[in-house]
Amino acid sequence: MSNAHVRLLGPDLPNPLVLPVQPTDTISGLKEKALSNWPSGMEVPLLGQLKILHLGRFVNDTQLLKDCKVAEGETTAMHLIVKTQVSRPADAPSGSDDKVPKCSCLVC
């Protein structure tokens, strides 16, 4: 049994999630644990919507927790972000239309 933990913090969580982990677990496995321990009363996101940040960088799903300095007997803080999947309406202008401004500033 592991005595390593990851503390997931983020704007999409009302309280940090503290999860028991093994240093040999992957980031993908950490995301799965986060979903299985998702706070009740909140909409559970899809696995692909979860992004993990450690030391200011997004980490790859295949990366091992030990590569993120997760060690036995320690709690490591990471940030969890839920990326919302915004679908574009079919009648939305494409970025290739030269008559449509490319930004929302007042100058263009």
Protein backbone atom coordinates (compact mmCIF):
# COMPACT_ATOMS: atom_id res chain seq x y z
CA MET A 1 0.00 0.00 0.00
CA SER A 2 1.29 3.44 -0.91
CA ASN A 3 1.85 6.28 1.48
CA ALA A 4 2.41 8.79 -1.34
CA HIS A 5 -0.38 11.27 -2.05
CA VAL A 6 -1.23 13.84 -4.69
CA ARG A 7 -3.21 16.89 -3.64
CA LEU A 8 -5.18 18.19 -6.63
CA LEU A 9 -6.10 21.87 -6.45
CA GLY A 10 -7.96 23.97 -8.95
CA PRO A 11 -10.68 26.45 -9.74
CA ASP A 12 -13.04 23.66 -10.78
CA LEU A 13 -12.87 21.91 -7.40
CA PRO A 14 -14.64 23.23 -4.29
CA ASN A 15 -12.03 21.53 -2.07
CA PRO A 16 -8.69 19.89 -2.86
CA LEU A 17 -8.76 16.19 -3.74
CA VAL A 18 -6.12 14.21 -1.83
CA LEU A 19 -5.54 10.89 -3.56
CA PRO A 20 -3.34 7.95 -2.53
CA VAL A 21 -0.98 7.06 -5.38
CA GLN A 22 2.02 4.97 -6.31
CA PRO A 23 5.03 6.79 -7.81
CA THR A 24 4.79 4.30 -10.70
CA ASP A 25 1.22 5.43 -11.56
CA THR A 26 0.73 7.51 -14.71
CA ILE A 27 -0.90 10.90 -15.02
CA SER A 28 -3.74 9.16 -16.85
CA GLY A 29 -4.22 6.87 -13.83
CA LEU A 30 -4.25 9.93 -11.57
CA LYS A 31 -7.01 11.48 -13.70
CA GLU A 32 -9.04 8.25 -13.43
CA LYS A 33 -8.66 8.32 -9.63
CA ALA A 34 -9.75 11.95 -9.60
CA LEU A 35 -12.90 11.09 -11.57
CA SER A 36 -13.74 8.17 -9.27
CA ASN A 37 -13.40 10.52 -6.27
CA TRP A 38 -15.12 13.51 -7.92
CA PRO A 39 -17.07 15.66 -5.43
CA SER A 40 -20.72 14.67 -5.17
CA GLY A 41 -23.21 17.21 -6.45
CA MET A 42 -20.88 18.32 -9.24
CA GLU A 43 -21.10 17.33 -12.89
CA VAL A 44 -18.41 14.74 -13.60
CA PRO A 45 -16.28 15.76 -16.60
CA LEU A 46 -14.93 13.43 -19.25
CA LEU A 47 -11.44 12.02 -18.80
CA GLY A 48 -10.22 13.93 -21.87
CA GLN A 49 -11.33 17.23 -20.35
CA LEU A 50 -8.95 16.92 -17.38
CA LYS A 51 -5.56 18.61 -17.60
CA ILE A 52 -2.90 18.31 -14.89
CA LEU A 53 -0.30 20.99 -14.22
CA HIS A 54 2.81 20.47 -12.15
CA LEU A 55 5.39 23.18 -11.52
CA GLY A 56 3.65 25.42 -14.05
CA ARG A 57 3.65 22.92 -16.92
CA PHE A 58 1.03 20.64 -18.39
CA VAL A 59 2.06 17.01 -17.94
CA ASN A 60 1.56 14.26 -20.48
CA ASP A 61 -0.90 11.43 -19.71
CA THR A 62 1.81 8.79 -20.15
CA GLN A 63 4.23 10.47 -17.74
CA LEU A 64 4.93 8.63 -14.48
CA LEU A 65 4.25 10.37 -11.18
CA LYS A 66 7.82 9.64 -10.05
CA ASP A 67 8.97 11.83 -12.96
CA CYS A 68 6.96 14.64 -11.30
CA LYS A 69 8.91 14.12 -8.06
CA VAL A 70 6.09 12.19 -6.35
CA ALA A 71 7.84 10.15 -3.67
CA GLU A 72 6.82 7.67 -0.98
CA GLY A 73 5.83 9.34 2.28
CA GLU A 74 5.18 12.73 0.68
CA THR A 75 2.20 14.70 -0.56
CA THR A 76 2.74 16.46 -3.88
CA ALA A 77 0.53 19.33 -5.00
CA MET A 78 -0.68 19.51 -8.60
CA HIS A 79 -3.31 21.61 -10.32
CA LEU A 80 -6.34 20.11 -12.01
CA ILE A 81 -8.06 22.04 -14.77
CA VAL A 82 -11.29 21.02 -16.49
CA LYS A 83 -11.18 22.14 -20.12
CA THR A 84 -14.70 22.74 -21.35
CA GLN A 85 -15.38 21.46 -24.82
CA VAL A 86 -16.96 24.32 -26.70
CA SER A 87 -18.54 23.24 -29.94
CA ARG A 88 -18.71 25.79 -32.70
CA PRO A 89 -22.13 26.33 -34.31
CA ALA A 90 -22.41 25.16 -37.92
CA ASP A 91 -23.29 28.69 -39.09
CA ALA A 92 -20.28 30.27 -37.35
CA PRO A 93 -17.90 32.06 -39.72
CA SER A 94 -14.68 30.25 -40.44
CA GLY A 95 -11.30 31.79 -39.75
CA SER A 96 -10.56 31.83 -43.49
CA ASP A 97 -13.29 34.36 -44.37
CA ASP A 98 -11.41 37.60 -45.18
CA LYS A 99 -14.44 39.82 -44.47
CA VAL A 100 -14.78 38.68 -40.86
CA PRO A 101 -12.50 40.39 -38.31
CA LYS A 102 -9.94 37.98 -36.84
CA CYS A 103 -10.19 39.46 -33.34
CA SER A 104 -12.70 41.22 -31.15
CA CYS A 105 -10.81 44.47 -30.60
CA LEU A 106 -12.33 47.79 -31.64
CA VAL A 107 -9.55 48.66 -34.09
CA CYS A 108 -10.10 45.81 -36.58
